[in-house]
Amino acid sequence: MNRRYSFFSFACTISLAARPGFAAEPDLDSQVITGVTNLGLGVFLISIAVALLLTLFFRASATHLGRIVTARLGKKRIRKILAGKSKDLLDDLILPGAYGGLTRIDHALLTSGGILCIQTKHYNGMVFGNADEPQWTNVDGIYRRKFLNPLIQNEGRCKALKKIVPDVPVANLVVFTGSVQFGSPLEKNVIHVRDLHNYIARFVFGPCKISDWDAVWLTVRAAALTDEQTRKDFGAQLGFS
């Protein structure tokens, strides 16, 4: 009896082991839980990284597109206001520089008392800078950029105009467009485009002995460099600097 029982037990053991459902299996609970945990953590981290990259990409794209739209709309708005103020308006004017080379003036507007030399900046976000600082800073979302102090920069352009018409008052004006805010109080001649109309209407030049303003404007127009080669030379000058 004992031998039969032993043989029967041995046969059953072999038979059960041969079946896949009853074969010896690993500790499924512990391995499955560990595997899912590692995989889940990896997928989670990858998802976070992808989400951050996509966020940065779309934010950068949106910021870049916003700058383009701001510049185009800002230029149109400024030209419309200036054209309504005087027929004597020159846009994107290239002149010999006051200290050599070439200089480009965004807008030159002849008024009854002198010439407004206008530089425009098309920014969104925050702008930080004082009149005596060589560079100002624009912070727009994730972007932070330095740019030349527009008051100092435009002062050189005013001097270029003064060399052409030395007896004519020339005023330095900087105009910002876009949804920009300023980190410190502005100089009187740094304004937002929404204030441009009133600024021109109220601005008064000092005493002036000029009697023939038409001749003044003809002199300025004649000094303007409009040929294609000058444009190329100015572009090369910008690239060199």
C-alpha atoms as a PDB file:
ATOM      1  CA  MET A   1       0.000   0.000   0.000  1.00  0.00           C
ATOM      2  CA  ASN A   2       2.751   2.454   0.878  1.00  0.00           C
ATOM      3  CA  ARG A   3       4.562   1.728  -2.357  1.00  0.00           C
ATOM      4  CA  ARG A   4       1.362   2.224  -4.381  1.00  0.00           C
ATOM      5  CA  TYR A   5       0.682   5.503  -2.583  1.00  0.00           C
ATOM      6  CA  SER A   6       4.221   6.739  -3.132  1.00  0.00           C
ATOM      7  CA  PHE A   7       4.101   5.867  -6.817  1.00  0.00           C
ATOM      8  CA  PHE A   8       0.697   7.526  -7.201  1.00  0.00           C
ATOM      9  CA  SER A   9       1.881  10.698  -5.465  1.00  0.00           C
ATOM     10  CA  PHE A  10       4.987  10.834  -7.653  1.00  0.00           C
ATOM     11  CA  ALA A  11       2.898  10.414 -10.832  1.00  0.00           C
ATOM     12  CA  CYS A  12       0.467  13.135  -9.809  1.00  0.00           C
ATOM     13  CA  THR A  13       3.304  15.508  -9.098  1.00  0.00           C
ATOM     14  CA  ILE A  14       4.818  14.938 -12.539  1.00  0.00           C
ATOM     15  CA  SER A  15       1.421  15.305 -14.221  1.00  0.00           C
ATOM     16  CA  LEU A  16       0.614  18.578 -12.505  1.00  0.00           C
ATOM     17  CA  ALA A  17       4.058  20.013 -13.189  1.00  0.00           C
ATOM     18  CA  ALA A  18       3.672  19.199 -16.873  1.00  0.00           C
ATOM     19  CA  ARG A  19       0.496  21.274 -17.151  1.00  0.00           C
ATOM     20  CA  PRO A  20       1.118  25.004 -17.879  1.00  0.00           C
ATOM     21  CA  GLY A  21      -1.580  26.114 -15.490  1.00  0.00           C
ATOM     22  CA  PHE A  22      -0.046  24.213 -12.635  1.00  0.00           C
ATOM     23  CA  ALA A  23       3.616  24.679 -13.474  1.00  0.00           C
ATOM     24  CA  ALA A  24       5.801  26.383 -10.954  1.00  0.00           C
ATOM     25  CA  GLU A  25       5.283  30.136 -11.378  1.00  0.00           C
ATOM     26  CA  PRO A  26       7.156  33.168 -10.035  1.00  0.00           C
ATOM     27  CA  ASP A  27       5.713  35.336  -7.362  1.00  0.00           C
ATOM     28  CA  LEU A  28       3.338  37.179  -9.665  1.00  0.00           C
ATOM     29  CA  ASP A  29       2.093  39.603  -7.062  1.00  0.00           C
ATOM     30  CA  SER A  30       5.466  41.036  -6.176  1.00  0.00           C
ATOM     31  CA  GLN A  31       6.862  41.095  -9.731  1.00  0.00           C
ATOM     32  CA  VAL A  32       3.777  42.558 -11.345  1.00  0.00           C
ATOM     33  CA  ILE A  33       3.509  45.294  -8.774  1.00  0.00           C
ATOM     34  CA  THR A  34       7.196  46.173  -9.090  1.00  0.00           C
ATOM     35  CA  GLY A  35       7.088  46.179 -12.868  1.00  0.00           C
ATOM     36  CA  VAL A  36       3.990  48.331 -13.106  1.00  0.00           C
ATOM     37  CA  THR A  37       5.395  50.763 -10.566  1.00  0.00           C
ATOM     38  CA  ASN A  38       8.659  51.250 -12.475  1.00  0.00           C
ATOM     39  CA  LEU A  39       6.898  51.527 -15.804  1.00  0.00           C
ATOM     40  CA  GLY A  40       4.314  53.923 -14.420  1.00  0.00           C
ATOM     41  CA  LEU A  41       6.982  56.136 -12.901  1.00  0.00           C
ATOM     42  CA  GLY A  42       8.916  56.227 -16.169  1.00  0.00           C
ATOM     43  CA  VAL A  43       5.835  57.069 -18.199  1.00  0.00           C
ATOM     44  CA  PHE A  44       4.885  59.757 -15.696  1.00  0.00           C
ATOM     45  CA  LEU A  45       8.305  61.407 -15.849  1.00  0.00           C
ATOM     46  CA  ILE A  46       8.383  61.250 -19.636  1.00  0.00           C
ATOM     47  CA  SER A  47       4.895  62.757 -19.784  1.00  0.00           C
ATOM     48  CA  ILE A  48       5.975  65.616 -17.546  1.00  0.00           C
ATOM     49  CA  ALA A  49       9.071  66.268 -19.678  1.00  0.00           C
ATOM     50  CA  VAL A  50       7.073  66.211 -22.910  1.00  0.00           C
ATOM     51  CA  ALA A  51       4.447  68.519 -21.434  1.00  0.00           C
ATOM     52  CA  LEU A  52       7.119  71.001 -20.339  1.00  0.00           C
ATOM     53  CA  LEU A  53       8.797  70.924 -23.738  1.00  0.00           C
ATOM     54  CA  LEU A  54       5.497  71.447 -25.515  1.00  0.00           C
ATOM     55  CA  THR A  55       4.610  74.281 -23.166  1.00  0.00           C
ATOM     56  CA  LEU A  56       7.942  76.009 -23.786  1.00  0.00           C
ATOM     57  CA  PHE A  57       7.659  75.440 -27.532  1.00  0.00           C
ATOM     58  CA  PHE A  58       4.166  76.841 -27.859  1.00  0.00           C
ATOM     59  CA  ARG A  59       4.921  79.690 -25.487  1.00  0.00           C
ATOM     60  CA  ALA A  60       8.023  80.609 -27.478  1.00  0.00           C
ATOM     61  CA  SER A  61       6.067  80.377 -30.729  1.00  0.00           C
ATOM     62  CA  ALA A  62       3.260  82.507 -29.311  1.00  0.00           C
ATOM     63  CA  THR A  63       5.737  85.107 -28.045  1.00  0.00           C
ATOM     64  CA  HIS A  64       7.514  85.250 -31.402  1.00  0.00           C
ATOM     65  CA  LEU A  65       4.222  85.591 -33.266  1.00  0.00           C
ATOM     66  CA  GLY A  66       3.114  88.241 -30.795  1.00  0.00           C
ATOM     67  CA  ARG A  67       6.249  90.297 -31.497  1.00  0.00           C
ATOM     68  CA  ILE A  68       5.606  90.154 -35.245  1.00  0.00           C
ATOM     69  CA  VAL A  69       1.963  91.162 -34.905  1.00  0.00           C
ATOM     70  CA  THR A  70       2.824  93.922 -32.414  1.00  0.00           C
ATOM     71  CA  ALA A  71       5.433  95.406 -34.762  1.00  0.00           C
ATOM     72  CA  ARG A  72       3.165  95.384 -37.806  1.00  0.00           C
ATOM     73  CA  LEU A  73       0.182  96.845 -36.028  1.00  0.00           C
ATOM     74  CA  GLY A  74       2.344  99.362 -34.192  1.00  0.00           C
ATOM     75  CA  LYS A  75       3.956 100.654 -37.391  1.00  0.00           C
ATOM     76  CA  LYS A  76       0.587 101.088 -39.086  1.00  0.00           C
ATOM     77  CA  ARG A  77      -0.849 102.897 -36.094  1.00  0.00           C
ATOM     78  CA  ILE A  78       2.079 105.298 -35.798  1.00  0.00           C
ATOM     79  CA  ARG A  79       2.111 106.102 -39.523  1.00  0.00           C
ATOM     80  CA  LYS A  80      -1.610 106.791 -39.463  1.00  0.00           C
ATOM     81  CA  ILE A  81      -1.283 109.223 -36.563  1.00  0.00           C
ATOM     82  CA  LEU A  82       1.737 110.998 -38.026  1.00  0.00           C
ATOM     83  CA  ALA A  83       0.220 111.267 -41.486  1.00  0.00           C
ATOM     84  CA  GLY A  84      -2.807 112.921 -39.930  1.00  0.00           C
ATOM     85  CA  LYS A  85      -0.581 115.507 -38.266  1.00  0.00           C
ATOM     86  CA  SER A  86       1.462 116.677 -41.245  1.00  0.00           C
ATOM     87  CA  LYS A  87       1.912 115.950 -44.918  1.00  0.00           C
ATOM     88  CA  ASP A  88       5.639 116.448 -44.443  1.00  0.00           C
ATOM     89  CA  LEU A  89       6.527 113.007 -43.136  1.00  0.00           C
ATOM     90  CA  LEU A  90       9.419 110.716 -43.999  1.00  0.00           C
ATOM     91  CA  ASP A  91       9.503 107.073 -42.898  1.00  0.00           C
ATOM     92  CA  ASP A  92      12.531 104.789 -42.757  1.00  0.00           C
ATOM     93  CA  LEU A  93      14.877 107.606 -43.671  1.00  0.00           C
ATOM     94  CA  ILE A  94      18.591 106.870 -44.229  1.00  0.00           C
ATOM     95  CA  LEU A  95      21.047 109.741 -43.814  1.00  0.00           C
ATOM     96  CA  PRO A  96      24.803 110.134 -43.472  1.00  0.00           C
ATOM     97  CA  GLY A  97      25.634 109.554 -39.812  1.00  0.00           C
ATOM     98  CA  ALA A  98      26.654 112.431 -37.579  1.00  0.00           C
ATOM     99  CA  TYR A  99      29.933 110.622 -36.814  1.00  0.00           C
ATOM    100  CA  GLY A 100      30.413 108.763 -40.081  1.00  0.00           C
ATOM    101  CA  GLY A 101      28.711 105.768 -41.603  1.00  0.00           C
ATOM    102  CA  LEU A 102      24.966 105.721 -42.080  1.00  0.00           C
ATOM    103  CA  THR A 103      22.016 106.156 -39.775  1.00  0.00           C
ATOM    104  CA  ARG A 104      18.344 105.290 -40.201  1.00  0.00           C
ATOM    105  CA  ILE A 105      15.524 107.373 -38.783  1.00  0.00           C
ATOM    106  CA  ASP A 106      12.213 105.621 -38.213  1.00  0.00           C
ATOM    107  CA  HIS A 107      10.095 108.743 -38.727  1.00  0.00           C
ATOM    108  CA  ALA A 108      10.863 112.415 -39.318  1.00  0.00           C
ATOM    109  CA  LEU A 109       7.900 114.778 -38.987  1.00  0.00           C
ATOM    110  CA  LEU A 110       7.993 118.457 -39.892  1.00  0.00           C
ATOM    111  CA  THR A 111       5.865 120.648 -37.643  1.00  0.00           C
ATOM    112  CA  SER A 112       5.372 124.386 -37.494  1.00  0.00           C
ATOM    113  CA  GLY A 113       8.269 124.788 -35.063  1.00  0.00           C
ATOM    114  CA  GLY A 114      10.792 122.118 -35.976  1.00  0.00           C
ATOM    115  CA  ILE A 115      11.337 118.458 -36.762  1.00  0.00           C
ATOM    116  CA  LEU A 116      10.357 115.551 -34.571  1.00  0.00           C
ATOM    117  CA  CYS A 117      12.884 112.733 -34.925  1.00  0.00           C
ATOM    118  CA  ILE A 118      10.951 109.659 -33.834  1.00  0.00           C
ATOM    119  CA  GLN A 119      12.237 106.229 -32.930  1.00  0.00           C
ATOM    120  CA  THR A 120       9.749 103.410 -32.405  1.00  0.00           C
ATOM    121  CA  LYS A 121       9.983 100.280 -30.279  1.00  0.00           C
ATOM    122  CA  HIS A 122       7.464  97.468 -30.608  1.00  0.00           C
ATOM    123  CA  TYR A 123       7.490  95.403 -27.413  1.00  0.00           C
ATOM    124  CA  ASN A 124       5.188  93.496 -25.111  1.00  0.00           C
ATOM    125  CA  GLY A 125       5.829  92.715 -21.446  1.00  0.00           C
ATOM    126  CA  MET A 126       7.948  94.864 -19.157  1.00  0.00           C
ATOM    127  CA  VAL A 127      10.640  97.391 -20.055  1.00  0.00           C
ATOM    128  CA  PHE A 128      13.245  98.488 -17.529  1.00  0.00           C
ATOM    129  CA  GLY A 129      15.679 101.334 -18.072  1.00  0.00           C
ATOM    130  CA  ASN A 130      16.696 104.868 -17.135  1.00  0.00           C
ATOM    131  CA  ALA A 131      17.760 107.770 -19.317  1.00  0.00           C
ATOM    132  CA  ASP A 132      21.459 107.425 -18.455  1.00  0.00           C
ATOM    133  CA  GLU A 133      21.735 103.636 -18.829  1.00  0.00           C
ATOM    134  CA  PRO A 134      23.412 102.425 -22.037  1.00  0.00           C
ATOM    135  CA  GLN A 135      21.041  99.468 -22.329  1.00  0.00           C
ATOM    136  CA  TRP A 136      17.455  98.782 -21.414  1.00  0.00           C
ATOM    137  CA  THR A 137      15.836  95.412 -20.743  1.00  0.00           C
ATOM    138  CA  ASN A 138      12.642  93.877 -22.079  1.00  0.00           C
ATOM    139  CA  VAL A 139      11.095  90.913 -20.249  1.00  0.00           C
ATOM    140  CA  ASP A 140       8.359  89.222 -22.246  1.00  0.00           C
ATOM    141  CA  GLY A 141       7.231  85.898 -20.804  1.00  0.00           C
ATOM    142  CA  ILE A 142      10.240  83.594 -20.804  1.00  0.00           C
ATOM    143  CA  TYR A 143      12.257  85.981 -22.950  1.00  0.00           C
ATOM    144  CA  ARG A 144      14.648  88.541 -21.556  1.00  0.00           C
ATOM    145  CA  ARG A 145      16.565  90.747 -23.959  1.00  0.00           C
ATOM    146  CA  LYS A 146      18.811  93.782 -23.833  1.00  0.00           C
ATOM    147  CA  PHE A 147      18.517  96.632 -26.304  1.00  0.00           C
ATOM    148  CA  LEU A 148      20.281  99.950 -26.746  1.00  0.00           C
ATOM    149  CA  ASN A 149      18.899 102.869 -24.803  1.00  0.00           C
ATOM    150  CA  PRO A 150      16.576 104.346 -27.455  1.00  0.00           C
ATOM    151  CA  LEU A 151      17.009 107.890 -26.127  1.00  0.00           C
ATOM    152  CA  ILE A 152      20.775 107.739 -26.584  1.00  0.00           C
ATOM    153  CA  GLN A 153      20.441 105.904 -29.883  1.00  0.00           C
ATOM    154  CA  ASN A 154      17.964 108.424 -31.268  1.00  0.00           C
ATOM    155  CA  GLU A 155      20.060 111.344 -30.090  1.00  0.00           C
ATOM    156  CA  GLY A 156      22.655 110.365 -32.686  1.00  0.00           C
ATOM    157  CA  ARG A 157      19.939 110.390 -35.338  1.00  0.00           C
ATOM    158  CA  CYS A 158      18.831 113.836 -34.237  1.00  0.00           C
ATOM    159  CA  LYS A 159      22.393 115.060 -34.685  1.00  0.00           C
ATOM    160  CA  ALA A 160      22.458 113.622 -38.192  1.00  0.00           C
ATOM    161  CA  LEU A 161      19.405 115.722 -39.013  1.00  0.00           C
ATOM    162  CA  LYS A 162      20.961 118.776 -37.371  1.00  0.00           C
ATOM    163  CA  LYS A 163      23.984 118.494 -39.651  1.00  0.00           C
ATOM    164  CA  ILE A 164      21.681 118.795 -42.652  1.00  0.00           C
ATOM    165  CA  VAL A 165      19.553 121.666 -41.321  1.00  0.00           C
ATOM    166  CA  PRO A 166      21.653 123.191 -38.517  1.00  0.00           C
ATOM    167  CA  ASP A 167      19.319 126.115 -37.826  1.00  0.00           C
ATOM    168  CA  VAL A 168      16.216 123.956 -37.366  1.00  0.00           C
ATOM    169  CA  PRO A 169      15.140 122.676 -33.943  1.00  0.00           C
ATOM    170  CA  VAL A 170      15.113 118.871 -33.839  1.00  0.00           C
ATOM    171  CA  ALA A 171      13.421 117.016 -30.985  1.00  0.00           C
ATOM    172  CA  ASN A 172      14.153 113.471 -29.812  1.00  0.00           C
ATOM    173  CA  LEU A 173      11.016 111.359 -29.328  1.00  0.00           C
ATOM    174  CA  VAL A 174      10.765 107.631 -28.517  1.00  0.00           C
ATOM    175  CA  VAL A 175       7.422 105.868 -28.993  1.00  0.00           C
ATOM    176  CA  PHE A 176       6.585 102.381 -27.729  1.00  0.00           C
ATOM    177  CA  THR A 177       3.780 100.242 -29.084  1.00  0.00           C
ATOM    178  CA  GLY A 178       2.303  96.961 -27.883  1.00  0.00           C
ATOM    179  CA  SER A 179       1.057  95.882 -24.465  1.00  0.00           C
ATOM    180  CA  VAL A 180       4.171  97.183 -22.741  1.00  0.00           C
ATOM    181  CA  GLN A 181       4.580  98.359 -19.168  1.00  0.00           C
ATOM    182  CA  PHE A 182       7.500 100.265 -17.701  1.00  0.00           C
ATOM    183  CA  GLY A 183       9.405  99.393 -14.573  1.00  0.00           C
ATOM    184  CA  SER A 184      10.234 103.014 -13.717  1.00  0.00           C
ATOM    185  CA  PRO A 185       8.833 106.492 -14.468  1.00  0.00           C
ATOM    186  CA  LEU A 186       9.424 107.554 -18.062  1.00  0.00           C
ATOM    187  CA  GLU A 187      11.205 110.557 -19.433  1.00  0.00           C
ATOM    188  CA  LYS A 188       8.858 113.137 -20.929  1.00  0.00           C
ATOM    189  CA  ASN A 189       9.983 112.258 -24.437  1.00  0.00           C
ATOM    190  CA  VAL A 190       9.400 108.496 -24.014  1.00  0.00           C
ATOM    191  CA  ILE A 191       5.734 107.737 -24.580  1.00  0.00           C
ATOM    192  CA  HIS A 192       3.296 105.034 -25.589  1.00  0.00           C
ATOM    193  CA  VAL A 193       1.644 105.262 -28.987  1.00  0.00           C
ATOM    194  CA  ARG A 194      -1.726 105.939 -27.350  1.00  0.00           C
ATOM    195  CA  ASP A 195      -0.292 109.297 -26.188  1.00  0.00           C
ATOM    196  CA  LEU A 196       1.326 110.242 -29.507  1.00  0.00           C
ATOM    197  CA  HIS A 197      -1.551 112.356 -30.827  1.00  0.00           C
ATOM    198  CA  ASN A 198      -1.753 114.528 -27.717  1.00  0.00           C
ATOM    199  CA  TYR A 199       2.017 114.759 -27.402  1.00  0.00           C
ATOM    200  CA  ILE A 200       2.410 116.241 -30.878  1.00  0.00           C
ATOM    201  CA  ALA A 201      -0.543 118.581 -30.392  1.00  0.00           C
ATOM    202  CA  ARG A 202       0.933 120.005 -27.173  1.00  0.00           C
ATOM    203  CA  PHE A 203       4.624 119.935 -28.017  1.00  0.00           C
ATOM    204  CA  VAL A 204       6.204 123.361 -28.430  1.00  0.00           C
ATOM    205  CA  PHE A 205       9.668 123.956 -29.883  1.00  0.00           C
ATOM    206  CA  GLY A 206      11.855 126.789 -28.682  1.00  0.00           C
ATOM    207  CA  PRO A 207      12.302 130.069 -30.538  1.00  0.00           C
ATOM    208  CA  CYS A 208      13.115 129.611 -34.204  1.00  0.00           C
ATOM    209  CA  LYS A 209      14.025 132.076 -36.951  1.00  0.00           C
ATOM    210  CA  ILE A 210      13.110 129.807 -39.850  1.00  0.00           C
ATOM    211  CA  SER A 211      10.717 131.456 -42.277  1.00  0.00           C
ATOM    212  CA  ASP A 212      10.744 129.030 -45.184  1.00  0.00           C
ATOM    213  CA  TRP A 213       9.812 125.602 -43.883  1.00  0.00           C
ATOM    214  CA  ASP A 214       9.258 124.275 -47.385  1.00  0.00           C
ATOM    215  CA  ALA A 215      12.920 124.892 -48.146  1.00  0.00           C
ATOM    216  CA  VAL A 216      13.875 123.109 -44.926  1.00  0.00           C
ATOM    217  CA  TRP A 217      11.929 120.029 -45.877  1.00  0.00           C
ATOM    218  CA  LEU A 218      13.264 120.030 -49.432  1.00  0.00           C
ATOM    219  CA  THR A 219      16.771 120.054 -47.958  1.00  0.00           C
ATOM    220  CA  VAL A 220      15.989 117.062 -45.762  1.00  0.00           C
ATOM    221  CA  ARG A 221      14.394 115.127 -48.624  1.00  0.00           C
ATOM    222  CA  ALA A 222      17.339 115.866 -50.871  1.00  0.00           C
ATOM    223  CA  ALA A 223      19.762 114.527 -48.257  1.00  0.00           C
ATOM    224  CA  ALA A 224      17.875 111.243 -47.915  1.00  0.00           C
ATOM    225  CA  LEU A 225      19.718 108.266 -49.379  1.00  0.00           C
ATOM    226  CA  THR A 226      17.169 106.160 -51.215  1.00  0.00           C
ATOM    227  CA  ASP A 227      19.180 104.011 -53.634  1.00  0.00           C
ATOM    228  CA  GLU A 228      19.318 100.234 -53.234  1.00  0.00           C
ATOM    229  CA  GLN A 229      23.070 100.161 -52.687  1.00  0.00           C
ATOM    230  CA  THR A 230      22.730 102.455 -49.672  1.00  0.00           C
ATOM    231  CA  ARG A 231      20.198 100.030 -48.213  1.00  0.00           C
ATOM    232  CA  LYS A 232      22.642  97.185 -48.687  1.00  0.00           C
ATOM    233  CA  ASP A 233      25.484  99.202 -47.177  1.00  0.00           C
ATOM    234  CA  PHE A 234      23.359 100.039 -44.153  1.00  0.00           C
ATOM    235  CA  GLY A 235      22.413  96.395 -43.715  1.00  0.00           C
ATOM    236  CA  ALA A 236      26.084  95.422 -43.856  1.00  0.00           C
ATOM    237  CA  GLN A 237      26.862  98.133 -41.299  1.00  0.00           C
ATOM    238  CA  LEU A 238      24.276  96.681 -38.927  1.00  0.00           C
ATOM    239  CA  GLY A 239      25.675  93.190 -39.414  1.00  0.00           C
ATOM    240  CA  PHE A 240      29.199  94.403 -38.720  1.00  0.00           C
ATOM    241  CA  SER A 241      28.192  96.216 -35.545  1.00  0.00           C
END
